[in-house]
Amino acid sequence: MSKTVIFYKTANGKCPAHDFLDSLPSKVAQKITWVLNLLEDLDVVPSSYFKKLVGTEEIWECRIQFGSNAYRIFCFFADNSVVVLTHGFIKKSQKTPKSEIERAESYRKDFLKRRSKYE
């Protein structure tokens, strides 16, 4: 079963995940795109690339390692086959910052509330 990856947009039309990708060097963006393609194509994505965040409201992270940097893009499932990317950041420490998780959760709530506009 393939999945479709879409980008979350705020009520005023901003696209945080897209802005994050645009801010990265092209080689990093290419690797992230490769990981997102895995998400779309594989039924089971290795946890080294895709993992649910424990203790969150259905927030998952796409995990990209490039050189010595760890990149994360948060996402959630809108339904079984649609993955919505919220935003990304460069991970600087072992622990994922709570503020980043809260941001992803608020984007998820907003998306679900405004969802009918997407369909």
PDB file of N, CA and C in Angstrom:
ATOM      1  N   MET A   1       0.849  -1.192   0.000  1.00  0.00           N
ATOM      2  CA  MET A   1       0.000   0.000   0.000  1.00  0.00           C
ATOM      3  C   MET A   1       0.889   1.249   0.000  1.00  0.00           C
ATOM      4  N   SER A   2       0.788   2.025  -1.043  1.00  0.00           N
ATOM      5  CA  SER A   2       1.644   3.209  -1.094  1.00  0.00           C
ATOM      6  C   SER A   2       1.004   4.366  -0.327  1.00  0.00           C
ATOM      7  N   LYS A   3       1.859   5.284   0.067  1.00  0.00           N
ATOM      8  CA  LYS A   3       1.392   6.443   0.820  1.00  0.00           C
ATOM      9  C   LYS A   3       1.619   7.699  -0.023  1.00  0.00           C
ATOM     10  N   THR A   4       0.881   8.727   0.304  1.00  0.00           N
ATOM     11  CA  THR A   4       1.052  10.006  -0.352  1.00  0.00           C
ATOM     12  C   THR A   4       1.573  10.986   0.688  1.00  0.00           C
ATOM     13  N   VAL A   5       2.633  11.699   0.343  1.00  0.00           N
ATOM     14  CA  VAL A   5       3.187  12.694   1.254  1.00  0.00           C
ATOM     15  C   VAL A   5       2.704  14.068   0.808  1.00  0.00           C
ATOM     16  N   ILE A   6       2.112  14.816   1.736  1.00  0.00           N
ATOM     17  CA  ILE A   6       1.682  16.180   1.421  1.00  0.00           C
ATOM     18  C   ILE A   6       2.282  17.140   2.453  1.00  0.00           C
ATOM     19  N   PHE A   7       2.294  18.410   2.108  1.00  0.00           N
ATOM     20  CA  PHE A   7       2.843  19.427   2.998  1.00  0.00           C
ATOM     21  C   PHE A   7       1.720  20.153   3.719  1.00  0.00           C
ATOM     22  N   TYR A   8       1.870  20.297   5.023  1.00  0.00           N
ATOM     23  CA  TYR A   8       0.923  21.085   5.809  1.00  0.00           C
ATOM     24  C   TYR A   8       1.088  22.562   5.441  1.00  0.00           C
ATOM     25  N   LYS A   9      -0.047  23.255   5.328  1.00  0.00           N
ATOM     26  CA  LYS A   9      -0.023  24.708   5.133  1.00  0.00           C
ATOM     27  C   LYS A   9      -0.794  25.370   6.260  1.00  0.00           C
ATOM     28  N   THR A  10      -0.252  26.469   6.760  1.00  0.00           N
ATOM     29  CA  THR A  10      -0.947  27.206   7.813  1.00  0.00           C
ATOM     30  C   THR A  10      -2.156  27.914   7.205  1.00  0.00           C
ATOM     31  N   ALA A  11      -3.009  28.462   8.074  1.00  0.00           N
ATOM     32  CA  ALA A  11      -4.211  29.165   7.605  1.00  0.00           C
ATOM     33  C   ALA A  11      -3.851  30.320   6.672  1.00  0.00           C
ATOM     34  N   ASN A  12      -2.675  30.925   6.885  1.00  0.00           N
ATOM     35  CA  ASN A  12      -2.296  32.050   6.012  1.00  0.00           C
ATOM     36  C   ASN A  12      -1.406  31.620   4.833  1.00  0.00           C
ATOM     37  N   GLY A  13      -1.372  30.297   4.582  1.00  0.00           N
ATOM     38  CA  GLY A  13      -0.710  29.810   3.378  1.00  0.00           C
ATOM     39  C   GLY A  13       0.777  29.500   3.495  1.00  0.00           C
ATOM     40  N   LYS A  14       1.332  29.646   4.685  1.00  0.00           N
ATOM     41  CA  LYS A  14       2.758  29.300   4.858  1.00  0.00           C
ATOM     42  C   LYS A  14       2.920  27.778   4.885  1.00  0.00           C
ATOM     43  N   CYS A  15       4.083  27.328   4.436  1.00  0.00           N
ATOM     44  CA  CYS A  15       4.359  25.899   4.398  1.00  0.00           C
ATOM     45  C   CYS A  15       5.701  25.642   5.102  1.00  0.00           C
ATOM     46  N   PRO A  16       5.668  25.429   6.430  1.00  0.00           N
ATOM     47  CA  PRO A  16       6.906  25.324   7.206  1.00  0.00           C
ATOM     48  C   PRO A  16       7.878  24.238   6.724  1.00  0.00           C
ATOM     49  N   ALA A  17       7.371  23.063   6.343  1.00  0.00           N
ATOM     50  CA  ALA A  17       8.268  21.987   5.899  1.00  0.00           C
ATOM     51  C   ALA A  17       8.959  22.374   4.593  1.00  0.00           C
ATOM     52  N   HIS A  18       8.213  23.008   3.718  1.00  0.00           N
ATOM     53  CA  HIS A  18       8.755  23.454   2.433  1.00  0.00           C
ATOM     54  C   HIS A  18       9.830  24.518   2.656  1.00  0.00           C
ATOM     55  N   ASP A  19       9.533  25.477   3.542  1.00  0.00           N
ATOM     56  CA  ASP A  19      10.502  26.531   3.863  1.00  0.00           C
ATOM     57  C   ASP A  19      11.789  25.925   4.425  1.00  0.00           C
ATOM     58  N   PHE A  20      11.632  24.902   5.267  1.00  0.00           N
ATOM     59  CA  PHE A  20      12.800  24.230   5.841  1.00  0.00           C
ATOM     60  C   PHE A  20      13.640  23.590   4.734  1.00  0.00           C
ATOM     61  N   LEU A  21      12.991  22.861   3.841  1.00  0.00           N
ATOM     62  CA  LEU A  21      13.724  22.209   2.740  1.00  0.00           C
ATOM     63  C   LEU A  21      14.441  23.236   1.869  1.00  0.00           C
ATOM     64  N   ASP A  22      13.767  24.348   1.616  1.00  0.00           N
ATOM     65  CA  ASP A  22      14.367  25.406   0.793  1.00  0.00           C
ATOM     66  C   ASP A  22      15.600  26.021   1.442  1.00  0.00           C
ATOM     67  N   SER A  23      15.680  25.943   2.765  1.00  0.00           N
ATOM     68  CA  SER A  23      16.791  26.575   3.486  1.00  0.00           C
ATOM     69  C   SER A  23      18.046  25.688   3.524  1.00  0.00           C
ATOM     70  N   LEU A  24      17.931  24.443   3.076  1.00  0.00           N
ATOM     71  CA  LEU A  24      19.025  23.485   3.202  1.00  0.00           C
ATOM     72  C   LEU A  24      19.904  23.437   1.959  1.00  0.00           C
ATOM     73  N   PRO A  25      21.161  22.998   2.123  1.00  0.00           N
ATOM     74  CA  PRO A  25      22.013  22.784   0.948  1.00  0.00           C
ATOM     75  C   PRO A  25      21.369  21.719   0.036  1.00  0.00           C
ATOM     76  N   SER A  26      21.581  21.813  -1.250  1.00  0.00           N
ATOM     77  CA  SER A  26      20.866  20.931  -2.186  1.00  0.00           C
ATOM     78  C   SER A  26      21.135  19.449  -1.943  1.00  0.00           C
ATOM     79  N   LYS A  27      22.352  19.093  -1.553  1.00  0.00           N
ATOM     80  CA  LYS A  27      22.658  17.672  -1.301  1.00  0.00           C
ATOM     81  C   LYS A  27      21.835  17.122  -0.132  1.00  0.00           C
ATOM     82  N   VAL A  28      21.639  17.943   0.893  1.00  0.00           N
ATOM     83  CA  VAL A  28      20.830  17.531   2.049  1.00  0.00           C
ATOM     84  C   VAL A  28      19.370  17.401   1.613  1.00  0.00           C
ATOM     85  N   ALA A  29      18.885  18.386   0.876  1.00  0.00           N
ATOM     86  CA  ALA A  29      17.499  18.352   0.392  1.00  0.00           C
ATOM     87  C   ALA A  29      17.274  17.112  -0.480  1.00  0.00           C
ATOM     88  N   GLN A  30      18.275  16.744  -1.276  1.00  0.00           N
ATOM     89  CA  GLN A  30      18.157  15.546  -2.124  1.00  0.00           C
ATOM     90  C   GLN A  30      18.013  14.293  -1.275  1.00  0.00           C
ATOM     91  N   LYS A  31      18.810  14.200  -0.211  1.00  0.00           N
ATOM     92  CA  LYS A  31      18.721  13.018   0.657  1.00  0.00           C
ATOM     93  C   LYS A  31      17.362  12.976   1.354  1.00  0.00           C
ATOM     94  N   ILE A  32      16.874  14.130   1.793  1.00  0.00           N
ATOM     95  CA  ILE A  32      15.564  14.184   2.444  1.00  0.00           C
ATOM     96  C   ILE A  32      14.483  13.736   1.459  1.00  0.00           C
ATOM     97  N   THR A  33      14.587  14.201   0.224  1.00  0.00           N
ATOM     98  CA  THR A  33      13.625  13.797  -0.806  1.00  0.00           C
ATOM     99  C   THR A  33      13.671  12.280  -1.006  1.00  0.00           C
ATOM    100  N   TRP A  34      14.868  11.723  -0.976  1.00  0.00           N
ATOM    101  CA  TRP A  34      15.037  10.271  -1.115  1.00  0.00           C
ATOM    102  C   TRP A  34      14.309   9.545   0.020  1.00  0.00           C
ATOM    103  N   VAL A  35      14.461  10.044   1.251  1.00  0.00           N
ATOM    104  CA  VAL A  35      13.790   9.428   2.409  1.00  0.00           C
ATOM    105  C   VAL A  35      12.269   9.572   2.277  1.00  0.00           C
ATOM    106  N   LEU A  36      11.807  10.731   1.806  1.00  0.00           N
ATOM    107  CA  LEU A  36      10.360  10.927   1.617  1.00  0.00           C
ATOM    108  C   LEU A  36       9.817   9.978   0.549  1.00  0.00           C
ATOM    109  N   ASN A  37      10.631   9.692  -0.458  1.00  0.00           N
ATOM    110  CA  ASN A  37      10.223   8.712  -1.472  1.00  0.00           C
ATOM    111  C   ASN A  37      10.098   7.315  -0.866  1.00  0.00           C
ATOM    112  N   LEU A  38      11.009   6.966   0.047  1.00  0.00           N
ATOM    113  CA  LEU A  38      10.891   5.679   0.752  1.00  0.00           C
ATOM    114  C   LEU A  38       9.552   5.610   1.472  1.00  0.00           C
ATOM    115  N   LEU A  39       9.210   6.724   2.129  1.00  0.00           N
ATOM    116  CA  LEU A  39       7.942   6.810   2.852  1.00  0.00           C
ATOM    117  C   LEU A  39       6.766   6.505   1.935  1.00  0.00           C
ATOM    118  N   GLU A  40       6.829   7.065   0.729  1.00  0.00           N
ATOM    119  CA  GLU A  40       5.729   6.855  -0.213  1.00  0.00           C
ATOM    120  C   GLU A  40       5.710   5.435  -0.775  1.00  0.00           C
ATOM    121  N   ASP A  41       6.903   4.856  -0.971  1.00  0.00           N
ATOM    122  CA  ASP A  41       6.985   3.593  -1.709  1.00  0.00           C
ATOM    123  C   ASP A  41       6.974   2.328  -0.864  1.00  0.00           C
ATOM    124  N   LEU A  42       7.509   2.391   0.346  1.00  0.00           N
ATOM    125  CA  LEU A  42       7.628   1.183   1.159  1.00  0.00           C
ATOM    126  C   LEU A  42       6.457   1.013   2.118  1.00  0.00           C
ATOM    127  N   ASP A  43       6.010  -0.227   2.275  1.00  0.00           N
ATOM    128  CA  ASP A  43       4.961  -0.496   3.264  1.00  0.00           C
ATOM    129  C   ASP A  43       5.517  -0.319   4.666  1.00  0.00           C
ATOM    130  N   VAL A  44       6.717  -0.834   4.874  1.00  0.00           N
ATOM    131  CA  VAL A  44       7.358  -0.708   6.179  1.00  0.00           C
ATOM    132  C   VAL A  44       8.670   0.038   5.983  1.00  0.00           C
ATOM    133  N   VAL A  45       8.730   1.229   6.526  1.00  0.00           N
ATOM    134  CA  VAL A  45       9.932   2.055   6.393  1.00  0.00           C
ATOM    135  C   VAL A  45      10.843   1.759   7.585  1.00  0.00           C
ATOM    136  N   PRO A  46      12.135   1.500   7.346  1.00  0.00           N
ATOM    137  CA  PRO A  46      13.044   1.226   8.472  1.00  0.00           C
ATOM    138  C   PRO A  46      12.996   2.346   9.515  1.00  0.00           C
ATOM    139  N   SER A  47      13.054   1.956  10.795  1.00  0.00           N
ATOM    140  CA  SER A  47      12.938   2.959  11.859  1.00  0.00           C
ATOM    141  C   SER A  47      14.121   3.922  11.875  1.00  0.00           C
ATOM    142  N   SER A  48      15.199   3.576  11.184  1.00  0.00           N
ATOM    143  CA  SER A  48      16.307   4.527  11.107  1.00  0.00           C
ATOM    144  C   SER A  48      15.890   5.770  10.306  1.00  0.00           C
ATOM    145  N   TYR A  49      14.821   5.640   9.492  1.00  0.00           N
ATOM    146  CA  TYR A  49      14.340   6.763   8.683  1.00  0.00           C
ATOM    147  C   TYR A  49      12.993   7.317   9.129  1.00  0.00           C
ATOM    148  N   PHE A  50      12.217   6.497   9.838  1.00  0.00           N
ATOM    149  CA  PHE A  50      10.841   6.905  10.129  1.00  0.00           C
ATOM    150  C   PHE A  50      10.406   6.260  11.429  1.00  0.00           C
ATOM    151  N   LYS A  51       9.997   7.097  12.391  1.00  0.00           N
ATOM    152  CA  LYS A  51       9.726   6.563  13.713  1.00  0.00           C
ATOM    153  C   LYS A  51       8.674   7.400  14.426  1.00  0.00           C
ATOM    154  N   LYS A  52       7.779   6.708  15.153  1.00  0.00           N
ATOM    155  CA  LYS A  52       6.788   7.437  15.943  1.00  0.00           C
ATOM    156  C   LYS A  52       7.470   7.991  17.190  1.00  0.00           C
ATOM    157  N   LEU A  53       7.148   9.228  17.536  1.00  0.00           N
ATOM    158  CA  LEU A  53       7.705   9.827  18.752  1.00  0.00           C
ATOM    159  C   LEU A  53       6.880   9.375  19.953  1.00  0.00           C
ATOM    160  N   VAL A  54       7.534   8.757  20.887  1.00  0.00           N
ATOM    161  CA  VAL A  54       6.870   8.240  22.092  1.00  0.00           C
ATOM    162  C   VAL A  54       6.295   9.403  22.898  1.00  0.00           C
ATOM    163  N   GLY A  55       5.092   9.214  23.412  1.00  0.00           N
ATOM    164  CA  GLY A  55       4.488  10.220  24.277  1.00  0.00           C
ATOM    165  C   GLY A  55       3.901  11.411  23.536  1.00  0.00           C
ATOM    166  N   THR A  56       3.678  11.260  22.233  1.00  0.00           N
ATOM    167  CA  THR A  56       3.083  12.352  21.462  1.00  0.00           C
ATOM    168  C   THR A  56       1.717  11.943  20.949  1.00  0.00           C
ATOM    169  N   GLU A  57       0.992  12.921  20.449  1.00  0.00           N
ATOM    170  CA  GLU A  57      -0.299  12.631  19.827  1.00  0.00           C
ATOM    171  C   GLU A  57      -0.069  12.292  18.359  1.00  0.00           C
ATOM    172  N   GLU A  58       0.322  11.061  18.108  1.00  0.00           N
ATOM    173  CA  GLU A  58       0.472  10.575  16.734  1.00  0.00           C
ATOM    174  C   GLU A  58       1.477  11.347  15.882  1.00  0.00           C
ATOM    175  N   ILE A  59       2.517  11.867  16.510  1.00  0.00           N
ATOM    176  CA  ILE A  59       3.551  12.570  15.746  1.00  0.00           C
ATOM    177  C   ILE A  59       4.671  11.585  15.400  1.00  0.00           C
ATOM    178  N   TRP A  60       5.068  11.602  14.144  1.00  0.00           N
ATOM    179  CA  TRP A  60       6.154  10.764  13.649  1.00  0.00           C
ATOM    180  C   TRP A  60       7.277  11.682  13.202  1.00  0.00           C
ATOM    181  N   GLU A  61       8.471  11.120  13.077  1.00  0.00           N
ATOM    182  CA  GLU A  61       9.562  11.917  12.538  1.00  0.00           C
ATOM    183  C   GLU A  61      10.253  11.176  11.410  1.00  0.00           C
ATOM    184  N   CYS A  62      10.552  11.926  10.345  1.00  0.00           N
ATOM    185  CA  CYS A  62      11.416  11.434   9.286  1.00  0.00           C
ATOM    186  C   CYS A  62      12.818  11.785   9.737  1.00  0.00           C
ATOM    187  N   ARG A  63      13.679  10.801   9.724  1.00  0.00           N
ATOM    188  CA  ARG A  63      15.022  10.980  10.265  1.00  0.00           C
ATOM    189  C   ARG A  63      16.032  10.932   9.132  1.00  0.00           C
ATOM    190  N   ILE A  64      16.804  11.985   8.987  1.00  0.00           N
ATOM    191  CA  ILE A  64      17.793  12.056   7.924  1.00  0.00           C
ATOM    192  C   ILE A  64      19.140  12.402   8.536  1.00  0.00           C
ATOM    193  N   GLN A  65      20.112  11.571   8.237  1.00  0.00           N
ATOM    194  CA  GLN A  65      21.470  11.806   8.706  1.00  0.00           C
ATOM    195  C   GLN A  65      22.279  12.241   7.484  1.00  0.00           C
ATOM    196  N   PHE A  66      22.961  13.360   7.591  1.00  0.00           N
ATOM    197  CA  PHE A  66      23.804  13.791   6.482  1.00  0.00           C
ATOM    198  C   PHE A  66      25.079  14.367   7.054  1.00  0.00           C
ATOM    199  N   GLY A  67      26.198  13.723   6.748  1.00  0.00           N
ATOM    200  CA  GLY A  67      27.442  14.148   7.375  1.00  0.00           C
ATOM    201  C   GLY A  67      27.283  13.986   8.876  1.00  0.00           C
ATOM    202  N   SER A  68      27.654  15.010   9.623  1.00  0.00           N
ATOM    203  CA  SER A  68      27.535  14.908  11.082  1.00  0.00           C
ATOM    204  C   SER A  68      26.225  15.505  11.579  1.00  0.00           C
ATOM    205  N   ASN A  69      25.352  15.934  10.673  1.00  0.00           N
ATOM    206  CA  ASN A  69      24.094  16.562  11.080  1.00  0.00           C
ATOM    207  C   ASN A  69      22.920  15.594  11.043  1.00  0.00           C
ATOM    208  N   ALA A  70      22.013  15.788  11.996  1.00  0.00           N
ATOM    209  CA  ALA A  70      20.773  15.019  12.038  1.00  0.00           C
ATOM    210  C   ALA A  70      19.628  15.971  11.709  1.00  0.00           C
ATOM    211  N   TYR A  71      18.887  15.644  10.665  1.00  0.00           N
ATOM    212  CA  TYR A  71      17.751  16.467  10.254  1.00  0.00           C
ATOM    213  C   TYR A  71      16.478  15.710  10.604  1.00  0.00           C
ATOM    214  N   ARG A  72      15.485  16.447  11.050  1.00  0.00           N
ATOM    215  CA  ARG A  72      14.209  15.827  11.386  1.00  0.00           C
ATOM    216  C   ARG A  72      13.078  16.602  10.725  1.00  0.00           C
ATOM    217  N   ILE A  73      12.143  15.850  10.169  1.00  0.00           N
ATOM    218  CA  ILE A  73      10.914  16.465   9.670  1.00  0.00           C
ATOM    219  C   ILE A  73       9.769  15.749  10.369  1.00  0.00           C
ATOM    220  N   PHE A  74       8.945  16.529  11.047  1.00  0.00           N
ATOM    221  CA  PHE A  74       7.815  15.945  11.751  1.00  0.00           C
ATOM    222  C   PHE A  74       6.643  15.760  10.800  1.00  0.00           C
ATOM    223  N   CYS A  75       5.836  14.741  11.109  1.00  0.00           N
ATOM    224  CA  CYS A  75       4.676  14.479  10.271  1.00  0.00           C
ATOM    225  C   CYS A  75       3.650  13.686  11.071  1.00  0.00           C
ATOM    226  N   PHE A  76       2.499  13.488  10.455  1.00  0.00           N
ATOM    227  CA  PHE A  76       1.457  12.663  11.055  1.00  0.00           C
ATOM    228  C   PHE A  76       0.639  12.068   9.917  1.00  0.00           C
ATOM    229  N   PHE A  77      -0.156  11.062  10.251  1.00  0.00           N
ATOM    230  CA  PHE A  77      -1.015  10.443   9.246  1.00  0.00           C
ATOM    231  C   PHE A  77      -2.374  11.120   9.256  1.00  0.00           C
ATOM    232  N   ALA A  78      -2.813  11.607   8.087  1.00  0.00           N
ATOM    233  CA  ALA A  78      -4.158  12.185   7.980  1.00  0.00           C
ATOM    234  C   ALA A  78      -5.161  11.039   7.856  1.00  0.00           C
ATOM    235  N   ASP A  79      -4.765   9.982   7.203  1.00  0.00           N
ATOM    236  CA  ASP A  79      -5.476   8.711   7.219  1.00  0.00           C
ATOM    237  C   ASP A  79      -4.417   7.651   6.935  1.00  0.00           C
ATOM    238  N   ASN A  80      -4.808   6.429   6.655  1.00  0.00           N
ATOM    239  CA  ASN A  80      -3.799   5.366   6.516  1.00  0.00           C
ATOM    240  C   ASN A  80      -2.780   5.615   5.421  1.00  0.00           C
ATOM    241  N   SER A  81      -3.162   6.351   4.385  1.00  0.00           N
ATOM    242  CA  SER A  81      -2.257   6.474   3.249  1.00  0.00           C
ATOM    243  C   SER A  81      -1.742   7.887   2.994  1.00  0.00           C
ATOM    244  N   VAL A  82      -2.132   8.848   3.836  1.00  0.00           N
ATOM    245  CA  VAL A  82      -1.670  10.221   3.628  1.00  0.00           C
ATOM    246  C   VAL A  82      -0.806  10.662   4.812  1.00  0.00           C
ATOM    247  N   VAL A  83       0.438  11.032   4.497  1.00  0.00           N
ATOM    248  CA  VAL A  83       1.370  11.520   5.512  1.00  0.00           C
ATOM    249  C   VAL A  83       1.503  13.031   5.313  1.00  0.00           C
ATOM    250  N   VAL A  84       1.263  13.786   6.375  1.00  0.00           N
ATOM    251  CA  VAL A  84       1.328  15.244   6.297  1.00  0.00           C
ATOM    252  C   VAL A  84       2.604  15.723   6.993  1.00  0.00           C
ATOM    253  N   LEU A  85       3.482  16.389   6.236  1.00  0.00           N
ATOM    254  CA  LEU A  85       4.726  16.917   6.804  1.00  0.00           C
ATOM    255  C   LEU A  85       4.432  18.266   7.441  1.00  0.00           C
ATOM    256  N   THR A  86       4.840  18.442   8.705  1.00  0.00           N
ATOM    257  CA  THR A  86       4.563  19.720   9.371  1.00  0.00           C
ATOM    258  C   THR A  86       5.723  20.689   9.248  1.00  0.00           C
ATOM    259  N   HIS A  87       6.878  20.326   9.779  1.00  0.00           N
ATOM    260  CA  HIS A  87       8.033  21.221   9.738  1.00  0.00           C
ATOM    261  C   HIS A  87       9.293  20.424  10.033  1.00  0.00           C
ATOM    262  N   GLY A  88      10.423  21.042   9.815  1.00  0.00           N
ATOM    263  CA  GLY A  88      11.677  20.358  10.058  1.00  0.00           C
ATOM    264  C   GLY A  88      12.621  21.204  10.881  1.00  0.00           C
ATOM    265  N   PHE A  89      13.659  20.560  11.387  1.00  0.00           N
ATOM    266  CA  PHE A  89      14.698  21.292  12.110  1.00  0.00           C
ATOM    267  C   PHE A  89      15.964  20.451  12.097  1.00  0.00           C
ATOM    268  N   ILE A  90      17.071  21.076  12.437  1.00  0.00           N
ATOM    269  CA  ILE A  90      18.337  20.363  12.551  1.00  0.00           C
ATOM    270  C   ILE A  90      18.502  20.003  14.017  1.00  0.00           C
ATOM    271  N   LYS A  91      18.646  18.716  14.266  1.00  0.00           N
ATOM    272  CA  LYS A  91      18.701  18.231  15.646  1.00  0.00           C
ATOM    273  C   LYS A  91      20.100  18.435  16.201  1.00  0.00           C
ATOM    274  N   LYS A  92      20.188  19.169  17.302  1.00  0.00           N
ATOM    275  CA  LYS A  92      21.483  19.524  17.882  1.00  0.00           C
ATOM    276  C   LYS A  92      21.834  18.687  19.108  1.00  0.00           C
ATOM    277  N   SER A  93      20.847  18.017  19.694  1.00  0.00           N
ATOM    278  CA  SER A  93      21.109  17.263  20.918  1.00  0.00           C
ATOM    279  C   SER A  93      20.418  15.908  20.832  1.00  0.00           C
ATOM    280  N   GLN A  94      20.707  15.047  21.807  1.00  0.00           N
ATOM    281  CA  GLN A  94      20.103  13.714  21.836  1.00  0.00           C
ATOM    282  C   GLN A  94      18.581  13.797  21.916  1.00  0.00           C
ATOM    283  N   LYS A  95      18.112  14.719  22.742  1.00  0.00           N
ATOM    284  CA  LYS A  95      16.685  14.814  23.004  1.00  0.00           C
ATOM    285  C   LYS A  95      16.025  15.786  22.025  1.00  0.00           C
ATOM    286  N   THR A  96      14.879  15.380  21.512  1.00  0.00           N
ATOM    287  CA  THR A  96      14.126  16.260  20.620  1.00  0.00           C
ATOM    288  C   THR A  96      13.498  17.368  21.454  1.00  0.00           C
ATOM    289  N   PRO A  97      13.725  18.639  21.085  1.00  0.00           N
ATOM    290  CA  PRO A  97      13.159  19.747  21.878  1.00  0.00           C
ATOM    291  C   PRO A  97      11.632  19.661  21.976  1.00  0.00           C
ATOM    292  N   LYS A  98      11.136  19.822  23.201  1.00  0.00           N
ATOM    293  CA  LYS A  98       9.694  19.760  23.449  1.00  0.00           C
ATOM    294  C   LYS A  98       8.946  20.798  22.615  1.00  0.00           C
ATOM    295  N   SER A  99       9.561  21.975  22.419  1.00  0.00           N
ATOM    296  CA  SER A  99       8.896  23.033  21.655  1.00  0.00           C
ATOM    297  C   SER A  99       8.636  22.592  20.207  1.00  0.00           C
ATOM    298  N   GLU A 100       9.553  21.793  19.646  1.00  0.00           N
ATOM    299  CA  GLU A 100       9.369  21.301  18.274  1.00  0.00           C
ATOM    300  C   GLU A 100       8.220  20.300  18.215  1.00  0.00           C
ATOM    301  N   ILE A 101       8.133  19.437  19.226  1.00  0.00           N
ATOM    302  CA  ILE A 101       7.044  18.456  19.272  1.00  0.00           C
ATOM    303  C   ILE A 101       5.704  19.175  19.446  1.00  0.00           C
ATOM    304  N   GLU A 102       5.674  20.166  20.337  1.00  0.00           N
ATOM    305  CA  GLU A 102       4.426  20.914  20.558  1.00  0.00           C
ATOM    306  C   GLU A 102       3.993  21.638  19.291  1.00  0.00           C
ATOM    307  N   ARG A 103       4.957  22.152  18.550  1.00  0.00           N
ATOM    308  CA  ARG A 103       4.651  22.834  17.282  1.00  0.00           C
ATOM    309  C   ARG A 103       4.005  21.844  16.305  1.00  0.00           C
ATOM    310  N   ALA A 104       4.583  20.645  16.195  1.00  0.00           N
ATOM    311  CA  ALA A 104       4.017  19.624  15.305  1.00  0.00           C
ATOM    312  C   ALA A 104       2.607  19.238  15.736  1.00  0.00           C
ATOM    313  N   GLU A 105       2.394  19.113  17.043  1.00  0.00           N
ATOM    314  CA  GLU A 105       1.058  18.743  17.541  1.00  0.00           C
ATOM    315  C   GLU A 105       0.038  19.841  17.257  1.00  0.00           C
ATOM    316  N   SER A 106       0.456  21.105  17.380  1.00  0.00           N
ATOM    317  CA  SER A 106      -0.499  22.183  17.107  1.00  0.00           C
ATOM    318  C   SER A 106      -0.804  22.267  15.608  1.00  0.00           C
ATOM    319  N   TYR A 107       0.192  22.000  14.758  1.00  0.00           N
ATOM    320  CA  TYR A 107      -0.055  21.950  13.312  1.00  0.00           C
ATOM    321  C   TYR A 107      -1.025  20.807  12.974  1.00  0.00           C
ATOM    322  N   ARG A 108      -0.857  19.675  13.651  1.00  0.00           N
ATOM    323  CA  ARG A 108      -1.740  18.532  13.407  1.00  0.00           C
ATOM    324  C   ARG A 108      -3.185  18.889  13.773  1.00  0.00           C
ATOM    325  N   LYS A 109      -3.368  19.491  14.953  1.00  0.00           N
ATOM    326  CA  LYS A 109      -4.719  19.887  15.375  1.00  0.00           C
ATOM    327  C   LYS A 109      -5.338  20.860  14.380  1.00  0.00           C
ATOM    328  N   ASP A 110      -4.528  21.829  13.951  1.00  0.00           N
ATOM    329  CA  ASP A 110      -5.000  22.815  12.988  1.00  0.00           C
ATOM    330  C   ASP A 110      -5.393  22.150  11.670  1.00  0.00           C
ATOM    331  N   PHE A 111      -4.554  21.237  11.191  1.00  0.00           N
ATOM    332  CA  PHE A 111      -4.842  20.533   9.935  1.00  0.00           C
ATOM    333  C   PHE A 111      -6.156  19.770  10.041  1.00  0.00           C
ATOM    334  N   LEU A 112      -6.317  19.014  11.113  1.00  0.00           N
ATOM    335  CA  LEU A 112      -7.524  18.200  11.276  1.00  0.00           C
ATOM    336  C   LEU A 112      -8.765  19.078  11.383  1.00  0.00           C
ATOM    337  N   LYS A 113      -8.615  20.244  12.020  1.00  0.00           N
ATOM    338  CA  LYS A 113      -9.738  21.174  12.160  1.00  0.00           C
ATOM    339  C   LYS A 113     -10.129  21.768  10.800  1.00  0.00           C
ATOM    340  N   ARG A 114      -9.122  22.094   9.983  1.00  0.00           N
ATOM    341  CA  ARG A 114      -9.382  22.741   8.693  1.00  0.00           C
ATOM    342  C   ARG A 114      -9.377  21.758   7.530  1.00  0.00           C
ATOM    343  N   ARG A 115      -9.325  20.489   7.830  1.00  0.00           N
ATOM    344  CA  ARG A 115      -9.098  19.451   6.841  1.00  0.00           C
ATOM    345  C   ARG A 115     -10.017  19.491   5.623  1.00  0.00           C
ATOM    346  N   SER A 116     -11.277  19.801   5.843  1.00  0.00           N
ATOM    347  CA  SER A 116     -12.221  19.786   4.733  1.00  0.00           C
ATOM    348  C   SER A 116     -11.764  20.706   3.594  1.00  0.00           C
ATOM    349  N   LYS A 117     -10.976  21.724   3.930  1.00  0.00           N
ATOM    350  CA  LYS A 117     -10.463  22.636   2.896  1.00  0.00           C
ATOM    351  C   LYS A 117      -9.433  21.953   1.991  1.00  0.00           C
ATOM    352  N   TYR A 118      -8.804  20.882   2.503  1.00  0.00           N
ATOM    353  CA  TYR A 118      -7.786  20.165   1.719  1.00  0.00           C
ATOM    354  C   TYR A 118      -8.422  19.209   0.727  1.00  0.00           C
ATOM    355  N   GLU A 119      -9.658  18.773   1.050  1.00  0.00           N
ATOM    356  CA  GLU A 119     -10.267  17.693   0.255  1.00  0.00           C
ATOM    357  C   GLU A 119     -11.137  18.214  -0.863  1.00  0.00           C
TER     358      GLU A 119
END
